[in-house]
N, C-alpha and C. Protein backbone atom coordinates (compact mmCIF):
# COMPACT_ATOMS: atom_id res chain seq x y z
N MET A 1 0.84 -1.19 0.00
CA MET A 1 0.00 0.00 0.00
C MET A 1 0.88 1.24 0.00
N GLN A 2 0.55 2.18 -0.84
CA GLN A 2 1.27 3.45 -0.97
C GLN A 2 0.80 4.40 0.14
N ILE A 3 1.74 5.01 0.83
CA ILE A 3 1.42 6.01 1.84
C ILE A 3 1.26 7.35 1.12
N THR A 4 0.15 8.04 1.41
CA THR A 4 -0.12 9.33 0.79
C THR A 4 -0.25 10.40 1.87
N LYS A 5 -0.44 11.64 1.44
CA LYS A 5 -0.61 12.74 2.38
C LYS A 5 -1.87 12.57 3.22
N ASP A 6 -2.83 11.79 2.72
CA ASP A 6 -4.09 11.59 3.42
C ASP A 6 -4.10 10.37 4.34
N THR A 7 -3.04 9.59 4.33
CA THR A 7 -2.97 8.41 5.18
C THR A 7 -2.84 8.86 6.64
N LEU A 8 -3.65 8.25 7.51
CA LEU A 8 -3.59 8.59 8.92
C LEU A 8 -2.31 8.04 9.54
N ILE A 9 -1.77 8.75 10.52
CA ILE A 9 -0.56 8.31 11.20
C ILE A 9 -0.76 6.90 11.76
N SER A 10 -1.92 6.65 12.35
CA SER A 10 -2.19 5.32 12.93
C SER A 10 -2.17 4.24 11.84
N GLU A 11 -2.65 4.54 10.64
CA GLU A 11 -2.64 3.57 9.54
C GLU A 11 -1.21 3.31 9.07
N ILE A 12 -0.41 4.37 9.03
CA ILE A 12 0.99 4.22 8.60
C ILE A 12 1.70 3.24 9.52
N LEU A 13 1.49 3.40 10.83
CA LEU A 13 2.16 2.53 11.80
C LEU A 13 1.68 1.09 11.71
N LYS A 14 0.44 0.88 11.27
CA LYS A 14 -0.08 -0.49 11.10
C LYS A 14 0.48 -1.15 9.85
N ILE A 15 0.51 -0.40 8.74
CA ILE A 15 0.94 -1.01 7.47
C ILE A 15 2.46 -1.05 7.32
N LYS A 16 3.14 -0.16 8.06
CA LYS A 16 4.60 -0.12 7.96
C LYS A 16 5.18 0.15 9.35
N PRO A 17 5.28 -0.89 10.16
CA PRO A 17 5.76 -0.72 11.54
C PRO A 17 7.14 -0.06 11.64
N ASP A 18 7.97 -0.24 10.63
CA ASP A 18 9.30 0.37 10.67
C ASP A 18 9.27 1.87 10.34
N ALA A 19 8.07 2.43 10.19
CA ALA A 19 7.93 3.86 9.91
C ALA A 19 8.12 4.69 11.18
N ALA A 20 7.93 4.11 12.35
CA ALA A 20 8.03 4.88 13.60
C ALA A 20 9.37 5.61 13.74
N PRO A 21 10.52 4.93 13.54
CA PRO A 21 11.77 5.66 13.66
C PRO A 21 11.93 6.78 12.62
N ILE A 22 11.37 6.57 11.44
CA ILE A 22 11.43 7.60 10.39
C ILE A 22 10.63 8.83 10.85
N LEU A 23 9.42 8.59 11.31
CA LEU A 23 8.57 9.70 11.76
C LEU A 23 9.21 10.43 12.95
N MET A 24 9.80 9.67 13.85
CA MET A 24 10.44 10.28 15.02
C MET A 24 11.66 11.11 14.61
N ARG A 25 12.39 10.64 13.61
CA ARG A 25 13.54 11.40 13.11
C ARG A 25 13.11 12.76 12.55
N TYR A 26 11.89 12.82 12.04
CA TYR A 26 11.36 14.06 11.50
C TYR A 26 10.70 14.94 12.57
N GLY A 27 10.76 14.50 13.83
CA GLY A 27 10.24 15.31 14.92
C GLY A 27 8.85 14.95 15.40
N MET A 28 8.31 13.84 14.92
CA MET A 28 6.99 13.41 15.36
C MET A 28 7.16 12.41 16.51
N GLY A 29 7.35 12.93 17.71
CA GLY A 29 7.64 12.09 18.86
C GLY A 29 6.41 11.54 19.56
N CYS A 30 5.24 12.08 19.27
CA CYS A 30 4.04 11.63 19.99
C CYS A 30 3.17 10.72 19.12
N LEU A 31 3.76 9.66 18.63
CA LEU A 31 3.04 8.76 17.72
C LEU A 31 1.89 8.03 18.40
N GLY A 32 1.95 7.89 19.70
CA GLY A 32 0.89 7.18 20.42
C GLY A 32 -0.18 8.10 20.98
N CYS A 33 -0.03 9.41 20.78
CA CYS A 33 -1.01 10.33 21.36
C CYS A 33 -2.34 10.22 20.61
N PRO A 34 -3.42 10.59 21.28
CA PRO A 34 -4.76 10.47 20.67
C PRO A 34 -4.90 11.17 19.32
N SER A 35 -4.26 12.35 19.15
CA SER A 35 -4.42 13.03 17.87
C SER A 35 -3.81 12.25 16.72
N ALA A 36 -2.79 11.45 16.99
CA ALA A 36 -2.16 10.67 15.92
C ALA A 36 -3.13 9.64 15.34
N GLN A 37 -4.13 9.26 16.10
CA GLN A 37 -5.10 8.28 15.63
C GLN A 37 -6.00 8.87 14.53
N MET A 38 -6.21 10.17 14.56
CA MET A 38 -7.13 10.80 13.62
C MET A 38 -6.45 11.82 12.71
N GLU A 39 -5.13 11.92 12.79
CA GLU A 39 -4.41 12.96 12.05
C GLU A 39 -3.78 12.37 10.78
N SER A 40 -3.95 13.06 9.67
CA SER A 40 -3.34 12.61 8.43
C SER A 40 -1.86 12.99 8.44
N LEU A 41 -1.10 12.37 7.57
CA LEU A 41 0.31 12.68 7.46
C LEU A 41 0.49 14.16 7.08
N GLU A 42 -0.35 14.65 6.20
CA GLU A 42 -0.27 16.06 5.79
C GLU A 42 -0.50 16.99 6.98
N GLN A 43 -1.50 16.69 7.79
CA GLN A 43 -1.79 17.53 8.96
C GLN A 43 -0.62 17.51 9.94
N ALA A 44 -0.08 16.32 10.20
CA ALA A 44 1.03 16.19 11.14
C ALA A 44 2.26 16.92 10.62
N ALA A 45 2.52 16.81 9.33
CA ALA A 45 3.67 17.50 8.75
C ALA A 45 3.51 19.01 8.89
N MET A 46 2.32 19.49 8.67
CA MET A 46 2.07 20.93 8.77
C MET A 46 2.28 21.41 10.21
N VAL A 47 1.76 20.68 11.18
CA VAL A 47 1.88 21.05 12.59
C VAL A 47 3.34 21.07 13.03
N HIS A 48 4.12 20.11 12.51
CA HIS A 48 5.51 19.97 12.92
C HIS A 48 6.50 20.70 12.00
N GLY A 49 5.99 21.37 10.96
CA GLY A 49 6.86 22.12 10.05
C GLY A 49 7.78 21.22 9.24
N ILE A 50 7.24 20.10 8.77
CA ILE A 50 8.03 19.09 8.06
C ILE A 50 7.75 19.17 6.56
N ASP A 51 8.78 18.95 5.75
CA ASP A 51 8.64 18.88 4.30
C ASP A 51 7.91 17.58 3.96
N LEU A 52 6.65 17.70 3.59
CA LEU A 52 5.80 16.53 3.35
C LEU A 52 6.33 15.66 2.23
N GLU A 53 6.78 16.27 1.14
CA GLU A 53 7.26 15.48 -0.01
C GLU A 53 8.48 14.63 0.36
N LYS A 54 9.42 15.21 1.11
CA LYS A 54 10.60 14.45 1.53
C LYS A 54 10.20 13.30 2.44
N LEU A 55 9.27 13.56 3.36
CA LEU A 55 8.80 12.52 4.28
C LEU A 55 8.10 11.40 3.52
N LEU A 56 7.23 11.75 2.61
CA LEU A 56 6.53 10.74 1.80
C LEU A 56 7.52 9.88 1.02
N GLU A 57 8.52 10.52 0.44
CA GLU A 57 9.51 9.79 -0.32
C GLU A 57 10.23 8.75 0.55
N GLU A 58 10.60 9.16 1.75
CA GLU A 58 11.30 8.24 2.64
C GLU A 58 10.39 7.12 3.14
N LEU A 59 9.15 7.45 3.46
CA LEU A 59 8.21 6.44 3.96
C LEU A 59 7.86 5.41 2.89
N ASN A 60 7.86 5.80 1.64
CA ASN A 60 7.47 4.89 0.56
C ASN A 60 8.65 4.17 -0.09
N LYS A 61 9.84 4.28 0.46
CA LYS A 61 11.01 3.54 -0.08
C LYS A 61 10.81 2.07 0.09
């Protein structure tokens, strides 16, 4: 499954468990918080000031 800007953080962690260290490297340290369950990758990137395209590229390698 391709990870997109609309994929929820919780879905990313289910389909690609090794994504946690990648997300944490980008500054997303609260992967288990309630908002991560309902937040899209795009929303999280915006909140954390992350380059979404670079993150998507790394997550989909």
